[in-house]
Amino acid sequence: MRSSPARKPPLRTRAMRRSLRGLPAGLHDVAHEPGLVVPAADGSPLLTDHYFPVADGDFPTLLIRSPYGRGFPWAPMYGMLFAEQGFHVVLQSCRGTGGSGGEFHLWHNEPADGQATVAWLRRQPWFSGVLGTIGPSYLGYVQWALALDPPPELRAMVIQVGMHDPHGFFHPTDAFSLENALAVAVGLTRQHLGIPAFLRSALRLRCHLGKVTRTLPLAESYVPALGGRVPFLDGAMAHPDPQDPYWDGADIGAAADTLTVPTSLITGRHDIYLDQTLRQYGRLRRAGCETALLVGPWTHNSALQQGWPEVFAESLAWLRAHLCDDRSGLRRTRVRVHMGGRQTWHDLPDWPPATTGRRWYLGSGGTLDSRAPEGTTPPLSFRYDPADPTPSVGGPLLSNKAGPQDNSALEARDDVLTFTTEPLAAPVRVLGAAHVELQVTTDTGHADVFARLCDVDERNRSVNVCDGLRRLQPDDGTPAAVTVPLSSTAHCFPAGHRIRLQISGGAHPRFARNTGTGEPSATATRLAPADVSLHHPSVLVLPTAEAPV
């Protein structure tokens, strides 16, 4: 039992908590200790809020370390909600954010500061020695940082739409993730200053986005939109090579290779970190670590909005199982995925499930057929002009335009090739990572290929399923074999629908455009169009399950 008097959380936090729907009733009243000072590894003060149930007995502790402040949404959605369910919740601002001392760095400080916080926890009279971690996005990264050398008290982790590799975020393909990087820069530099400051900055970026993303050089054009230079954004743009010493220590995914801490992974089919999460799952499985995977019909943001009831239930069940010895809420299977097209949930023993690589050949008439074209057929070409870049539509974005969207207007452009099947006689179930095997030539040697899988319904509405981009290497004029990996998905193309593949030269401003000159994208000052030709045979390969899952 606590000896200090309990204080209620702030009125605004309680009001926000009451606005959350579809959640279990609280088991306890909640008290709050704000502004505790925890020493970082270098002695900098880390401001920390403590939420706890007003009740007798020992309760496990959840550690949440955030660079986005400790107010909304963290206070109501994590501090109050989990304290109501019987957990001490320690919500801390990372170094250099939210009033904490020191200087924020995207990856250098998190392992040591996490360990320093656990050392502080050991000195608290209410700490029972049973610890879990939880949180989304960068709050997942700090969990992997602690897991590099997991303290003995750490019994469970819940990583929600989280990353382990910053380079993989900024450069998920061969091109710079421009729009998402700008959005993250706003979040990391402004959200911890409070909602008004964050909203002003987000609005400024929205107003400037078109000009920023079309002005060269890119390393200078972003500054007015963000109100100043952002060191980690400059560094990410200037160092595209993952082997560059700049990125030393950034990728902490190796923590999963030897981890024994039970870890729940939660993502969405259009999450910006979907592929990172699936790699985390594979590494944990190979390590023999107890793990679970939930893949919902969500984007990065909607997982904590429309998807929050499912995400919260999954998280709470995992924490109760491993911190409270109550496994009654765990599902029987290791994996649960939401299947697009059918809009149904499916429990699976593992991911990816057993599938067959089904091949669909790109035809000169815009066809997509399981039979290879006969004879000699001419190549298909498009011209990519970076002065009028092919726009991005939907997909794994951080904006409200993320997720599945109608691609019909995009596909009407002259710089987008489409290849479409006949209406399907039977459903086609895609489970896993598709890819496209292309034979490509370019006139300049400097171009990108963006490939996107779409589901076309009876009304001819074309909706994106998954996609990927590859940067072409200069060629000698002969067709070069290029494989474009597409993100993993779980999608059923119903009978009567058609499968469509788009091929274009980019998706702007989601990705920085290929300027066509071979200059580094951060400092390029010239634009040159490129003609891209697809030769036969070029093939779409879909991992399909013959029987319903």
Protein backbone atom coordinates (compact mmCIF):
# COMPACT_ATOMS: atom_id res chain seq x y z
CA MET A 1 0.00 0.00 0.00
CA ARG A 2 1.24 3.48 -0.79
CA SER A 3 2.16 5.70 2.17
CA SER A 4 1.82 9.00 0.26
CA PRO A 5 -1.62 10.53 -0.35
CA ALA A 6 -3.22 9.70 -3.67
CA ARG A 7 -3.95 12.51 -6.12
CA LYS A 8 -6.31 12.27 -9.04
CA PRO A 9 -4.93 12.70 -12.56
CA PRO A 10 -5.68 16.09 -14.15
CA LEU A 11 -9.28 16.76 -15.10
CA ARG A 12 -8.49 16.90 -18.83
CA THR A 13 -6.83 13.49 -18.67
CA ARG A 14 -9.82 11.99 -16.90
CA ALA A 15 -12.17 13.58 -19.43
CA MET A 16 -10.15 12.15 -22.33
CA ARG A 17 -10.22 8.74 -20.70
CA ARG A 18 -14.02 8.87 -20.40
CA SER A 19 -14.26 9.67 -24.14
CA LEU A 20 -12.60 6.37 -25.11
CA ARG A 21 -15.18 3.76 -26.18
CA GLY A 22 -15.23 0.00 -26.58
CA LEU A 23 -12.88 -0.66 -23.65
CA PRO A 24 -13.28 -2.80 -20.51
CA ALA A 25 -14.42 -1.16 -17.31
CA GLY A 26 -11.69 -0.05 -14.96
CA LEU A 27 -10.96 -2.21 -11.92
CA HIS A 28 -9.42 0.52 -9.76
CA ASP A 29 -9.45 4.23 -9.17
CA VAL A 30 -6.23 5.86 -10.33
CA ALA A 31 -3.81 8.23 -8.63
CA HIS A 32 -1.01 10.22 -10.16
CA GLU A 33 2.46 11.48 -9.28
CA PRO A 34 3.57 14.01 -11.93
CA GLY A 35 6.99 15.41 -12.68
CA LEU A 36 9.21 12.88 -10.91
CA VAL A 37 12.88 13.35 -11.76
CA VAL A 38 14.79 10.24 -12.87
CA PRO A 39 18.51 10.55 -13.65
CA ALA A 40 19.50 9.58 -17.20
CA ALA A 41 22.71 7.68 -17.87
CA ASP A 42 24.59 10.98 -18.10
CA GLY A 43 22.78 12.49 -15.11
CA SER A 44 20.31 14.55 -17.14
CA PRO A 45 16.90 14.81 -15.44
CA LEU A 46 14.23 12.70 -17.15
CA LEU A 47 10.77 13.97 -16.24
CA THR A 48 8.49 11.09 -15.37
CA ASP A 49 4.81 10.68 -14.43
CA HIS A 50 3.62 7.78 -12.29
CA TYR A 51 0.05 6.44 -12.51
CA PHE A 52 -1.04 3.73 -10.10
CA PRO A 53 -4.14 1.92 -8.82
CA VAL A 54 -5.54 3.09 -5.51
CA ALA A 55 -5.64 -0.30 -3.83
CA ASP A 56 -3.74 -2.53 -1.45
CA GLY A 57 -1.27 -5.10 -2.73
CA ASP A 58 1.62 -5.37 -5.15
CA PHE A 59 1.12 -4.52 -8.81
CA PRO A 60 3.46 -5.00 -11.77
CA THR A 61 5.01 -1.97 -13.45
CA LEU A 62 4.81 -0.83 -17.08
CA LEU A 63 7.59 1.40 -18.39
CA ILE A 64 6.74 3.74 -21.26
CA ARG A 65 9.47 6.03 -22.59
CA SER A 66 8.33 8.66 -25.11
CA PRO A 67 9.85 11.54 -27.12
CA TYR A 68 6.33 12.88 -27.78
CA GLY A 69 5.55 14.28 -24.34
CA ARG A 70 3.50 12.77 -21.51
CA GLY A 71 0.11 14.36 -22.21
CA PHE A 72 -2.38 13.33 -24.86
CA PRO A 73 -2.70 10.55 -25.94
CA TRP A 74 -0.24 8.86 -23.60
CA ALA A 75 -1.76 9.97 -20.29
CA PRO A 76 -5.33 8.75 -20.89
CA MET A 77 -4.63 5.82 -23.23
CA TYR A 78 -1.70 4.34 -21.33
CA GLY A 79 -1.29 6.03 -17.95
CA MET A 80 -4.92 5.87 -16.85
CA LEU A 81 -6.17 2.86 -18.82
CA PHE A 82 -3.50 0.45 -17.63
CA ALA A 83 -3.44 1.78 -14.07
CA GLU A 84 -7.20 1.13 -13.96
CA GLN A 85 -6.45 -2.49 -14.83
CA GLY A 86 -3.94 -2.97 -12.02
CA PHE A 87 -0.53 -1.71 -13.19
CA HIS A 88 1.91 0.92 -12.05
CA VAL A 89 2.52 2.99 -15.20
CA VAL A 90 5.76 4.94 -15.47
CA LEU A 91 5.49 7.42 -18.34
CA GLN A 92 8.78 9.16 -19.07
CA SER A 93 9.96 11.83 -21.52
CA CYS A 94 13.09 10.81 -23.39
CA ARG A 95 16.23 12.87 -23.03
CA GLY A 96 15.87 16.34 -24.54
CA THR A 97 12.05 16.14 -24.90
CA GLY A 98 9.01 17.00 -22.80
CA GLY A 99 11.02 18.99 -20.26
CA SER A 100 13.68 16.33 -19.75
CA GLY A 101 17.27 17.55 -19.74
CA GLY A 102 20.03 16.78 -22.21
CA GLU A 103 19.84 16.61 -25.98
CA PHE A 104 17.61 14.29 -27.96
CA HIS A 105 19.27 11.90 -30.40
CA LEU A 106 17.34 9.49 -32.55
CA TRP A 107 19.17 6.40 -31.25
CA HIS A 108 22.34 7.06 -29.24
CA ASN A 109 20.81 7.52 -25.78
CA GLU A 110 17.95 5.05 -25.51
CA PRO A 111 19.75 1.86 -24.40
CA ALA A 112 21.63 3.57 -21.56
CA ASP A 113 18.72 5.76 -20.46
CA GLY A 114 16.39 2.77 -20.35
CA GLN A 115 18.81 0.92 -18.11
CA ALA A 116 19.20 4.00 -15.89
CA THR A 117 15.42 4.18 -15.49
CA VAL A 118 15.20 0.53 -14.46
CA ALA A 119 17.94 1.18 -11.88
CA TRP A 120 15.77 4.01 -10.50
CA LEU A 121 12.73 1.72 -10.41
CA ARG A 122 14.60 -0.75 -8.22
CA ARG A 123 14.86 1.95 -5.55
CA GLN A 124 11.12 2.67 -5.44
CA PRO A 125 9.17 1.14 -2.55
CA TRP A 126 6.20 0.30 -4.79
CA PHE A 127 8.25 -1.56 -7.41
CA SER A 128 7.56 -5.29 -7.07
CA GLY A 129 10.38 -6.42 -9.35
CA VAL A 130 7.96 -7.39 -12.14
CA LEU A 131 8.37 -5.16 -15.20
CA GLY A 132 6.79 -4.87 -18.63
CA THR A 133 7.14 -2.37 -21.45
CA ILE A 134 4.60 -1.13 -23.96
CA GLY A 135 4.16 1.54 -26.60
CA PRO A 136 3.85 2.37 -30.31
CA SER A 137 6.19 3.71 -32.99
CA TYR A 138 9.33 5.25 -31.41
CA LEU A 139 8.01 3.96 -28.07
CA GLY A 140 8.58 0.52 -29.59
CA TYR A 141 12.14 1.47 -30.57
CA VAL A 142 13.04 2.29 -26.97
CA GLN A 143 11.72 -1.15 -25.96
CA TRP A 144 14.10 -2.84 -28.40
CA ALA A 145 16.86 -0.61 -26.99
CA LEU A 146 16.21 -1.96 -23.49
CA ALA A 147 16.03 -5.50 -24.88
CA LEU A 148 19.61 -5.28 -26.16
CA ASP A 149 20.56 -6.12 -22.57
CA PRO A 150 17.25 -7.02 -20.92
CA PRO A 151 17.20 -6.46 -17.16
CA PRO A 152 16.19 -9.51 -15.10
CA GLU A 153 12.96 -7.80 -14.04
CA LEU A 154 11.73 -7.49 -17.64
CA ARG A 155 9.00 -10.13 -18.11
CA ALA A 156 7.05 -8.92 -21.17
CA MET A 157 7.09 -6.43 -24.03
CA VAL A 158 4.23 -5.15 -26.20
CA ILE A 159 5.49 -3.39 -29.34
CA GLN A 160 2.69 -1.64 -31.20
CA VAL A 161 3.34 -0.44 -34.78
CA GLY A 162 6.98 -0.15 -33.73
CA MET A 163 10.34 0.05 -35.47
CA HIS A 164 13.82 -1.26 -34.74
CA ASP A 165 15.72 0.27 -37.70
CA PRO A 166 15.70 4.06 -38.27
CA HIS A 167 17.53 3.73 -41.59
CA GLY A 168 14.83 1.33 -42.73
CA PHE A 169 12.24 3.98 -41.98
CA PHE A 170 13.95 6.82 -43.84
CA HIS A 171 15.05 4.57 -46.71
CA PRO A 172 12.54 1.67 -46.81
CA THR A 173 13.48 1.23 -50.46
CA ASP A 174 16.20 2.80 -52.57
CA ALA A 175 14.43 6.18 -52.40
CA PHE A 176 14.05 8.56 -49.47
CA SER A 177 10.73 8.31 -47.61
CA LEU A 178 10.04 12.01 -48.01
CA GLU A 179 6.48 12.66 -46.86
CA ASN A 180 6.66 10.32 -43.87
CA ALA A 181 10.07 11.67 -42.85
CA LEU A 182 8.72 15.22 -42.78
CA ALA A 183 5.73 14.11 -40.69
CA VAL A 184 8.00 12.32 -38.22
CA ALA A 185 10.21 15.39 -37.98
CA VAL A 186 7.18 17.45 -36.94
CA GLY A 187 6.18 14.85 -34.37
CA LEU A 188 9.62 14.49 -32.81
CA THR A 189 10.39 18.21 -32.69
CA ARG A 190 6.97 19.60 -31.74
CA GLN A 191 4.59 17.06 -30.19
CA HIS A 192 6.39 17.05 -26.83
CA LEU A 193 5.80 20.84 -26.62
CA GLY A 194 2.03 20.31 -26.36
CA ILE A 195 -0.96 19.92 -28.64
CA PRO A 196 -1.21 23.58 -29.78
CA ALA A 197 2.45 23.72 -30.87
CA PHE A 198 2.17 20.36 -32.60
CA LEU A 199 -1.01 21.31 -34.48
CA ARG A 200 0.47 24.61 -35.64
CA SER A 201 3.53 22.82 -36.97
CA ALA A 202 1.47 20.10 -38.64
CA LEU A 203 -0.66 22.75 -40.35
CA ARG A 204 2.45 24.63 -41.51
CA LEU A 205 3.84 21.43 -43.04
CA ARG A 206 0.55 20.71 -44.79
CA CYS A 207 0.51 24.21 -46.29
CA HIS A 208 4.14 23.98 -47.45
CA LEU A 209 4.24 20.31 -48.48
CA GLY A 210 3.63 20.82 -52.20
CA LYS A 211 6.29 23.50 -52.55
CA VAL A 212 8.82 21.72 -50.30
CA THR A 213 8.63 18.46 -52.19
CA ARG A 214 8.99 20.12 -55.62
CA THR A 215 11.84 22.51 -54.80
CA LEU A 216 15.52 21.69 -55.20
CA PRO A 217 17.78 21.05 -53.44
CA LEU A 218 15.70 18.98 -51.05
CA ALA A 219 18.09 19.42 -48.13
CA GLU A 220 17.32 23.16 -48.16
CA SER A 221 13.70 23.23 -49.29
CA TYR A 222 12.27 21.57 -46.17
CA VAL A 223 13.54 24.22 -43.73
CA PRO A 224 10.68 26.77 -44.05
CA ALA A 225 8.08 24.02 -43.67
CA LEU A 226 9.58 22.79 -40.37
CA GLY A 227 10.62 26.19 -39.02
CA GLY A 228 14.32 25.40 -38.97
CA ARG A 229 16.86 22.66 -39.56
CA VAL A 230 16.32 19.20 -38.05
CA PRO A 231 19.67 17.43 -37.47
CA PHE A 232 18.40 13.88 -37.73
CA LEU A 233 16.54 14.71 -40.96
CA ASP A 234 19.68 16.26 -42.44
CA GLY A 235 21.69 13.20 -41.41
CA ALA A 236 19.18 10.73 -42.83
CA MET A 237 19.03 12.50 -46.21
CA ALA A 238 22.81 12.88 -46.43
CA HIS A 239 23.56 9.22 -45.62
CA PRO A 240 21.41 6.88 -47.75
CA ASP A 241 23.81 3.92 -47.43
CA PRO A 242 22.90 1.68 -44.45
CA GLN A 243 26.59 0.73 -44.13
CA ASP A 244 27.61 4.36 -43.63
CA PRO A 245 29.21 4.83 -40.17
CA TYR A 246 26.57 7.50 -39.54
CA TRP A 247 24.09 4.68 -38.82
CA ASP A 248 26.32 2.74 -36.41
CA GLY A 249 24.16 1.54 -33.54
CA ALA A 250 20.90 2.66 -35.12
CA ASP A 251 19.55 -0.76 -36.12
CA ILE A 252 18.85 -2.65 -32.89
CA GLY A 253 16.88 -5.50 -34.42
CA ALA A 254 19.60 -7.92 -33.31
CA ALA A 255 18.02 -7.75 -29.85
CA ALA A 256 15.40 -10.18 -31.15
CA ASP A 257 18.00 -12.79 -32.12
CA THR A 258 18.69 -13.85 -28.53
CA LEU A 259 15.66 -12.49 -26.67
CA THR A 260 13.81 -14.64 -24.15
CA VAL A 261 11.36 -11.96 -22.96
CA PRO A 262 7.82 -12.79 -24.21
CA THR A 263 7.01 -10.20 -26.86
CA SER A 264 3.72 -9.25 -28.49
CA LEU A 265 3.89 -7.53 -31.88
CA ILE A 266 1.02 -5.46 -33.27
CA THR A 267 0.87 -3.83 -36.70
CA GLY A 268 -1.48 -3.05 -39.57
CA ARG A 269 -1.60 -4.00 -43.24
CA HIS A 270 -0.91 -0.36 -44.16
CA ASP A 271 1.40 0.46 -41.25
CA ILE A 272 4.65 2.22 -42.17
CA TYR A 273 6.44 -0.38 -39.99
CA LEU A 274 4.62 -3.49 -41.23
CA ASP A 275 7.68 -5.07 -42.83
CA GLN A 276 9.92 -4.20 -39.86
CA THR A 277 7.39 -5.82 -37.52
CA LEU A 278 7.28 -9.00 -39.61
CA ARG A 279 11.08 -9.17 -39.59
CA GLN A 280 11.00 -8.80 -35.80
CA TYR A 281 8.52 -11.67 -35.61
CA GLY A 282 10.69 -13.92 -37.77
CA ARG A 283 13.79 -13.24 -35.66
CA LEU A 284 11.92 -13.90 -32.41
CA ARG A 285 10.55 -17.17 -33.77
CA ARG A 286 14.01 -18.32 -34.86
CA ALA A 287 15.31 -17.44 -31.38
CA GLY A 288 12.62 -19.61 -29.78
CA CYS A 289 11.15 -16.61 -27.95
CA GLU A 290 7.48 -16.72 -27.00
CA THR A 291 5.80 -14.22 -29.31
CA ALA A 292 2.45 -13.29 -30.79
CA LEU A 293 1.55 -11.30 -33.89
CA LEU A 294 -1.57 -9.23 -34.59
CA VAL A 295 -1.99 -7.65 -38.04
CA GLY A 296 -5.11 -5.51 -38.33
CA PRO A 297 -6.78 -3.50 -41.12
CA TRP A 298 -4.96 -0.39 -39.96
CA THR A 299 -2.56 2.33 -40.92
CA HIS A 300 0.11 3.52 -38.49
CA ASN A 301 -2.24 6.11 -37.01
CA SER A 302 -5.55 4.25 -37.16
CA ALA A 303 -4.17 1.37 -35.10
CA LEU A 304 -4.34 3.73 -32.10
CA GLN A 305 -7.65 5.25 -33.20
CA GLN A 306 -10.27 2.98 -34.82
CA GLY A 307 -8.19 -0.07 -33.94
CA TRP A 308 -7.58 0.84 -30.30
CA PRO A 309 -10.19 -1.50 -28.73
CA GLU A 310 -8.56 -4.52 -30.43
CA VAL A 311 -5.02 -3.24 -29.80
CA PHE A 312 -5.76 -2.55 -26.14
CA ALA A 313 -7.41 -5.94 -25.61
CA GLU A 314 -4.48 -7.75 -27.23
CA SER A 315 -1.95 -5.76 -25.19
CA LEU A 316 -3.77 -6.21 -21.89
CA ALA A 317 -4.15 -9.96 -22.38
CA TRP A 318 -0.41 -10.32 -23.07
CA LEU A 319 0.61 -8.27 -20.05
CA ARG A 320 -1.75 -10.10 -17.71
CA ALA A 321 -0.47 -13.43 -18.97
CA HIS A 322 3.20 -12.64 -18.37
CA LEU A 323 3.12 -10.15 -15.51
CA CYS A 324 0.12 -11.42 -13.55
CA ASP A 325 0.14 -15.18 -14.37
CA ASP A 326 -3.33 -14.92 -15.89
CA ARG A 327 -3.32 -16.51 -19.35
CA SER A 328 -7.10 -16.67 -19.68
CA GLY A 329 -7.21 -13.84 -22.21
CA LEU A 330 -4.62 -15.23 -24.64
CA ARG A 331 -5.79 -16.55 -27.97
CA ARG A 332 -4.94 -20.10 -28.92
CA THR A 333 -2.93 -19.33 -32.03
CA ARG A 334 0.31 -17.42 -32.35
CA VAL A 335 -0.87 -15.20 -35.24
CA ARG A 336 -4.06 -13.29 -35.97
CA VAL A 337 -4.45 -11.35 -39.23
CA HIS A 338 -7.20 -9.35 -40.85
CA MET A 339 -7.77 -10.28 -44.48
CA GLY A 340 -8.56 -7.48 -46.91
CA GLY A 341 -11.18 -8.15 -49.55
CA ARG A 342 -13.14 -10.37 -47.18
CA GLN A 343 -12.82 -8.04 -44.14
CA THR A 344 -12.53 -11.02 -41.79
CA TRP A 345 -10.14 -12.04 -38.99
CA HIS A 346 -8.16 -15.28 -39.24
CA ASP A 347 -6.14 -17.16 -36.65
CA LEU A 348 -3.00 -18.84 -38.02
CA PRO A 349 -0.34 -21.06 -36.46
CA ASP A 350 2.51 -18.95 -37.86
CA TRP A 351 3.52 -16.28 -40.37
CA PRO A 352 3.93 -16.48 -43.23
CA PRO A 353 1.64 -19.48 -43.79
CA ALA A 354 2.40 -22.10 -46.41
CA THR A 355 1.67 -20.70 -49.88
CA THR A 356 2.41 -21.32 -53.54
CA GLY A 357 4.08 -18.70 -55.72
CA ARG A 358 1.52 -18.13 -58.47
CA ARG A 359 2.90 -16.36 -61.56
CA TRP A 360 1.02 -13.81 -63.64
CA TYR A 361 2.65 -12.58 -66.87
CA LEU A 362 2.48 -8.97 -68.04
CA GLY A 363 1.09 -8.76 -71.57
CA SER A 364 1.56 -6.10 -74.22
CA GLY A 365 -2.15 -5.29 -74.26
CA GLY A 366 -2.20 -4.51 -70.56
CA THR A 367 -3.19 -8.04 -69.70
CA LEU A 368 -2.17 -10.05 -66.65
CA ASP A 369 -2.37 -13.76 -67.36
CA SER A 370 -1.22 -17.01 -65.79
CA ARG A 371 -0.03 -18.14 -69.23
CA ALA A 372 3.25 -16.80 -70.62
CA PRO A 373 2.85 -14.72 -73.81
CA GLU A 374 3.75 -16.55 -77.00
CA GLY A 375 6.17 -15.32 -79.62
CA THR A 376 8.03 -12.03 -79.70
CA THR A 377 6.17 -9.06 -78.28
CA PRO A 378 7.28 -5.42 -78.28
CA PRO A 379 8.21 -3.71 -75.01
CA LEU A 380 5.87 -1.35 -73.19
CA SER A 381 7.22 2.07 -72.28
CA PHE A 382 6.37 5.11 -70.20
CA ARG A 383 8.08 8.45 -69.68
CA TYR A 384 8.74 9.61 -66.13
CA ASP A 385 9.13 13.36 -65.81
CA PRO A 386 10.34 14.50 -62.36
CA ALA A 387 8.99 17.97 -63.13
CA ASP A 388 5.52 16.36 -63.15
CA PRO A 389 6.09 13.36 -60.87
CA THR A 390 3.66 10.48 -60.66
CA PRO A 391 1.70 11.16 -57.47
CA SER A 392 1.32 8.84 -54.50
CA VAL A 393 -2.18 7.66 -53.56
CA GLY A 394 -2.86 5.99 -50.22
CA GLY A 395 -0.70 3.21 -48.82
CA PRO A 396 1.55 3.31 -45.73
CA LEU A 397 1.50 7.02 -44.95
CA LEU A 398 1.24 9.08 -41.76
CA SER A 399 -1.44 11.38 -43.18
CA ASN A 400 -5.20 11.02 -43.23
CA LYS A 401 -4.87 9.94 -46.87
CA ALA A 402 -3.20 6.67 -45.86
CA GLY A 403 -4.46 3.15 -46.45
CA PRO A 404 -6.64 1.76 -49.24
CA GLN A 405 -7.76 4.40 -51.75
CA ASP A 406 -9.35 4.52 -55.19
CA ASN A 407 -6.49 4.56 -57.73
CA SER A 408 -8.64 5.17 -60.83
CA ALA A 409 -7.46 8.74 -61.45
CA LEU A 410 -3.83 7.73 -60.93
CA GLU A 411 -4.16 4.88 -63.41
CA ALA A 412 -5.50 7.25 -66.08
CA ARG A 413 -2.14 9.04 -66.26
CA ASP A 414 0.13 8.44 -69.26
CA ASP A 415 3.08 7.64 -66.96
CA VAL A 416 1.33 4.69 -65.28
CA LEU A 417 1.13 1.28 -66.96
CA THR A 418 -1.55 -1.13 -65.78
CA PHE A 419 -1.88 -4.89 -66.27
CA THR A 420 -5.18 -6.52 -65.36
CA THR A 421 -6.59 -10.04 -65.25
CA GLU A 422 -9.95 -11.13 -66.53
CA PRO A 423 -12.64 -11.34 -63.83
CA LEU A 424 -11.62 -14.12 -61.47
CA ALA A 425 -13.59 -17.37 -61.63
CA ALA A 426 -12.58 -18.22 -58.05
CA PRO A 427 -11.13 -16.26 -55.12
CA VAL A 428 -7.36 -15.68 -55.01
CA ARG A 429 -5.96 -15.51 -51.46
CA VAL A 430 -2.63 -13.70 -51.10
CA LEU A 431 -0.77 -14.27 -47.83
CA GLY A 432 2.77 -12.97 -47.53
CA ALA A 433 5.16 -10.89 -49.62
CA ALA A 434 4.50 -10.62 -53.35
CA HIS A 435 7.12 -9.46 -55.82
CA VAL A 436 7.49 -8.43 -59.45
CA GLU A 437 10.20 -9.77 -61.77
CA LEU A 438 10.81 -7.24 -64.52
CA GLN A 439 13.04 -6.94 -67.56
CA VAL A 440 13.80 -3.22 -67.81
CA THR A 441 15.75 -0.73 -69.88
CA THR A 442 16.02 3.05 -69.52
CA ASP A 443 17.34 5.68 -71.88
CA THR A 444 19.27 7.59 -69.18
CA GLY A 445 20.11 4.84 -66.70
CA HIS A 446 18.61 6.85 -63.85
CA ALA A 447 15.05 5.92 -62.91
CA ASP A 448 12.89 4.23 -60.31
CA VAL A 449 10.25 1.54 -60.76
CA PHE A 450 7.20 1.66 -58.49
CA ALA A 451 4.97 -1.42 -58.55
CA ARG A 452 1.56 -1.63 -56.89
CA LEU A 453 -0.93 -4.47 -56.53
CA CYS A 454 -4.60 -3.43 -56.72
CA ASP A 455 -8.02 -5.07 -56.36
CA VAL A 456 -10.49 -4.01 -59.07
CA ASP A 457 -14.14 -4.57 -58.20
CA GLU A 458 -17.20 -4.95 -60.43
CA ARG A 459 -17.61 -1.15 -60.58
CA ASN A 460 -14.04 -0.80 -61.89
CA ARG A 461 -12.87 0.78 -58.64
CA SER A 462 -9.16 0.00 -58.26
CA VAL A 463 -7.98 -0.12 -54.61
CA ASN A 464 -4.36 -0.51 -53.57
CA VAL A 465 -3.33 -3.63 -51.65
CA CYS A 466 0.48 -3.40 -51.35
CA ASP A 467 3.41 -1.92 -53.25
CA GLY A 468 7.17 -1.41 -53.49
CA LEU A 469 9.85 0.64 -55.22
CA ARG A 470 13.30 -0.10 -56.65
CA ARG A 471 15.96 2.26 -57.98
CA LEU A 472 17.40 1.09 -61.29
CA GLN A 473 21.12 0.91 -61.89
CA PRO A 474 22.63 2.35 -65.08
CA ASP A 475 22.44 -0.29 -67.84
CA ASP A 476 24.11 -0.96 -71.16
CA GLY A 477 20.90 -0.82 -73.15
CA THR A 478 20.07 -4.51 -72.78
CA PRO A 479 17.15 -5.54 -70.56
CA ALA A 480 18.20 -5.87 -66.92
CA ALA A 481 16.45 -8.27 -64.54
CA VAL A 482 14.97 -6.25 -61.69
CA THR A 483 12.99 -7.65 -58.77
CA VAL A 484 10.64 -5.24 -57.00
CA PRO A 485 9.58 -6.61 -53.59
CA LEU A 486 6.08 -5.65 -52.47
CA SER A 487 5.09 -5.33 -48.82
CA SER A 488 3.52 -8.35 -47.18
CA THR A 489 -0.25 -8.53 -47.12
CA ALA A 490 -3.24 -10.70 -46.36
CA HIS A 491 -5.85 -10.12 -49.04
CA CYS A 492 -8.53 -12.13 -50.79
CA PHE A 493 -9.44 -11.13 -54.33
CA PRO A 494 -13.07 -12.28 -54.56
CA ALA A 495 -14.51 -14.10 -57.52
CA GLY A 496 -15.65 -11.55 -60.10
CA HIS A 497 -12.94 -9.05 -59.10
CA ARG A 498 -9.77 -8.49 -61.14
CA ILE A 499 -6.13 -8.36 -60.09
CA ARG A 500 -4.27 -5.31 -61.33
CA LEU A 501 -0.59 -4.41 -61.31
CA GLN A 502 0.55 -0.81 -61.73
CA ILE A 503 4.03 0.05 -62.96
CA SER A 504 5.25 3.65 -62.84
CA GLY A 505 8.36 5.72 -62.14
CA GLY A 506 7.59 6.81 -58.57
CA ALA A 507 5.05 7.78 -55.92
CA HIS A 508 5.52 11.43 -54.99
CA PRO A 509 5.74 12.89 -52.36
CA ARG A 510 5.68 9.61 -50.46
CA PHE A 511 9.11 8.98 -51.98
CA ALA A 512 11.54 11.66 -53.08
CA ARG A 513 11.48 11.72 -56.86
CA ASN A 514 14.34 10.36 -58.88
CA THR A 515 15.72 13.52 -60.47
CA GLY A 516 17.04 11.51 -63.44
CA THR A 517 20.55 12.96 -63.18
CA GLY A 518 22.29 10.55 -60.84
CA GLU A 519 22.90 13.32 -58.30
CA PRO A 520 22.28 12.55 -54.60
CA SER A 521 18.61 13.22 -53.87
CA ALA A 522 19.38 15.59 -50.97
CA THR A 523 21.56 17.94 -53.01
CA ALA A 524 20.37 17.45 -56.61
CA THR A 525 19.66 20.69 -58.46
CA ARG A 526 18.67 19.44 -61.94
CA LEU A 527 15.78 17.41 -63.34
CA ALA A 528 15.84 15.11 -66.37
CA PRO A 529 13.02 12.88 -67.64
CA ALA A 530 13.60 9.19 -68.30
CA ASP A 531 11.99 6.69 -70.65
CA VAL A 532 11.47 3.29 -69.03
CA SER A 533 10.68 0.16 -71.06
CA LEU A 534 9.39 -3.20 -69.81
CA HIS A 535 10.43 -6.24 -71.81
CA HIS A 536 9.05 -9.76 -71.82
CA PRO A 537 8.88 -11.92 -69.88
CA SER A 538 7.96 -9.78 -66.87
CA VAL A 539 6.03 -11.48 -64.10
CA LEU A 540 3.98 -10.74 -60.97
CA VAL A 541 4.45 -13.46 -58.34
CA LEU A 542 1.76 -13.81 -55.68
CA PRO A 543 2.06 -16.09 -52.61
CA THR A 544 -1.34 -17.76 -52.70
CA ALA A 545 -3.17 -20.18 -50.42
CA GLU A 546 -5.38 -22.57 -52.34
CA ALA A 547 -7.69 -23.41 -49.43
CA PRO A 548 -9.50 -20.85 -47.27
CA VAL A 549 -7.49 -19.93 -44.17
